[in-house]
Amino acid sequence: MKLGDFLNSINYTKEDLFQSSDDPFVEKDYVPFIISRSLSYFPDTIFHVNEVNKHGHLSKNMHYDYLRMSVRKRKRFSKWGKKNKLEHLDAVKKYYNYSNQRAEEALSILTDDQLSEIEKFLDVGGV
């Protein structure tokens, strides 16, 4: 089973995948954190997600059943926000031996000329 199968079942089809699946490891494929995170983007499901998060002791099947039965039937889709990759971050990290946070701070004060010098220094050439 894939993440999309579980989300589609919770949001739209309301089919019980734990009971109807021939796969004996369907419960292993269900990740409550990811399901909760996926549903937390919508105003009509955030309170259900919050309620199920209060009860961390629930089994995966109980987590799934609660969401499947309580969330209203509706098509829901959203892309997850991702952090932007900074262009020269890896070069600054390698050159100064900095962590991600320190390299981001250094990028804010380095000039374009300094960044090009760092890139030239780290360029090893070859194919």
Protein backbone atom coordinates (compact mmCIF):
# COMPACT_ATOMS: atom_id res chain seq x y z
CA MET A 1 0.00 0.00 0.00
CA LYS A 2 1.09 3.55 -0.70
CA LEU A 3 0.47 6.77 1.18
CA GLY A 4 -1.96 7.91 -1.52
CA ASP A 5 -4.06 4.78 -1.07
CA PHE A 6 -4.54 5.47 2.63
CA LEU A 7 -5.27 9.16 2.10
CA ASN A 8 -7.75 8.41 -0.67
CA SER A 9 -9.48 5.91 1.59
CA ILE A 10 -9.70 8.39 4.48
CA ASN A 11 -10.74 11.36 2.35
CA TYR A 12 -12.94 9.95 -0.36
CA THR A 13 -13.68 6.24 -0.79
CA LYS A 14 -14.07 5.34 2.91
CA GLU A 15 -13.04 1.76 2.05
CA ASP A 16 -11.45 -0.13 4.95
CA LEU A 17 -8.03 -1.05 3.56
CA PHE A 18 -6.99 -2.92 6.69
CA GLN A 19 -9.83 -5.43 6.27
CA SER A 20 -10.14 -5.60 2.47
CA SER A 21 -6.44 -5.94 1.63
CA ASP A 22 -4.83 -9.31 0.93
CA ASP A 23 -1.49 -7.91 2.10
CA PRO A 24 -0.78 -9.13 5.66
CA PHE A 25 1.66 -6.24 6.20
CA VAL A 26 -0.75 -3.41 5.39
CA GLU A 27 -0.50 -2.13 8.95
CA LYS A 28 3.25 -1.82 8.58
CA ASP A 29 2.79 0.48 5.54
CA TYR A 30 0.51 2.84 7.49
CA VAL A 31 2.51 5.68 9.09
CA PRO A 32 0.26 7.75 11.41
CA PHE A 33 2.61 10.74 11.55
CA ILE A 34 2.68 11.17 7.77
CA ILE A 35 -1.08 10.67 7.48
CA SER A 36 -1.70 13.25 10.19
CA ARG A 37 0.69 15.69 8.59
CA SER A 38 -0.98 15.28 5.21
CA LEU A 39 -4.41 15.97 6.67
CA SER A 40 -3.27 18.90 8.81
CA TYR A 41 -3.17 21.25 5.80
CA PHE A 42 -6.96 21.47 5.60
CA PRO A 43 -9.17 23.54 7.91
CA ASP A 44 -11.89 20.88 8.07
CA THR A 45 -9.52 18.07 9.13
CA ILE A 46 -7.08 19.85 11.44
CA PHE A 47 -9.24 19.31 14.52
CA HIS A 48 -9.57 15.59 13.82
CA VAL A 49 -5.81 15.34 13.43
CA ASN A 50 -5.31 17.25 16.67
CA GLU A 51 -7.71 14.94 18.48
CA VAL A 52 -5.97 11.80 17.25
CA ASN A 53 -2.57 13.29 18.17
CA LYS A 54 -3.74 13.72 21.75
CA HIS A 55 -4.09 9.96 21.94
CA GLY A 56 -0.66 8.70 20.93
CA HIS A 57 -1.34 5.30 22.45
CA LEU A 58 -3.81 4.37 19.70
CA SER A 59 -2.90 1.50 17.41
CA LYS A 60 -2.42 2.17 13.73
CA ASN A 61 -5.74 0.53 12.95
CA MET A 62 -7.58 2.69 15.50
CA HIS A 63 -5.86 5.83 14.16
CA TYR A 64 -6.91 4.94 10.63
CA ASP A 65 -10.48 4.04 11.60
CA TYR A 66 -11.01 7.23 13.58
CA LEU A 67 -9.87 9.41 10.69
CA ARG A 68 -11.72 7.36 8.09
CA MET A 69 -15.01 7.56 9.99
CA SER A 70 -14.79 11.16 11.24
CA VAL A 71 -13.43 13.06 8.21
CA ARG A 72 -16.13 14.14 5.76
CA LYS A 73 -15.98 12.77 2.26
CA ARG A 74 -14.19 15.27 0.01
CA LYS A 75 -11.35 15.41 -2.50
CA ARG A 76 -8.31 16.96 -0.81
CA PHE A 77 -4.91 17.59 -2.30
CA SER A 78 -2.03 19.84 -1.37
CA LYS A 79 1.68 19.88 -2.03
CA TRP A 80 4.02 19.90 0.90
CA GLY A 81 6.12 22.97 1.40
CA LYS A 82 9.82 22.38 1.00
CA LYS A 83 12.71 24.46 2.14
CA ASN A 84 14.48 26.31 -0.66
CA LYS A 85 17.96 25.07 -1.45
CA LEU A 86 20.50 27.87 -1.20
CA GLU A 87 22.83 28.03 -4.18
CA HIS A 88 26.28 28.23 -2.54
CA LEU A 89 25.43 26.57 0.78
CA ASP A 90 27.43 23.38 0.20
CA ALA A 91 30.51 25.29 -0.93
CA VAL A 92 30.47 27.53 2.17
CA LYS A 93 29.93 24.51 4.43
CA LYS A 94 32.89 22.70 2.90
CA TYR A 95 35.21 25.72 2.75
CA TYR A 96 34.66 26.91 6.33
CA ASN A 97 33.65 23.53 7.80
CA TYR A 98 30.35 25.04 8.99
CA SER A 99 27.01 23.51 9.88
CA ASN A 100 23.89 24.33 7.84
CA GLN A 101 22.85 27.12 10.20
CA ARG A 102 26.28 28.74 10.32
CA ALA A 103 26.68 28.47 6.54
CA GLU A 104 23.32 30.21 6.01
CA GLU A 105 24.46 33.02 8.32
CA ALA A 106 27.74 33.29 6.41
CA LEU A 107 25.90 33.43 3.07
CA SER A 108 24.04 36.51 4.23
CA ILE A 109 27.28 38.47 4.68
CA LEU A 110 29.49 37.07 1.88
CA THR A 111 29.66 39.01 -1.37
CA ASP A 112 29.32 37.52 -4.84
CA ASP A 113 33.06 37.96 -5.44
CA GLN A 114 33.88 36.06 -2.25
CA LEU A 115 31.48 33.28 -3.19
CA SER A 116 33.05 32.94 -6.63
CA GLU A 117 36.52 32.75 -5.00
CA ILE A 118 35.28 29.95 -2.72
CA GLU A 119 33.79 28.11 -5.71
CA LYS A 120 37.10 28.43 -7.63
CA PHE A 121 39.07 27.17 -4.64
CA LEU A 122 36.84 24.12 -4.22
CA ASP A 123 36.69 23.30 -7.95
CA VAL A 124 38.75 20.15 -8.43
CA GLY A 125 38.07 19.85 -12.17
CA GLY A 126 37.82 16.63 -14.09
CA VAL A 127 34.80 14.80 -15.37
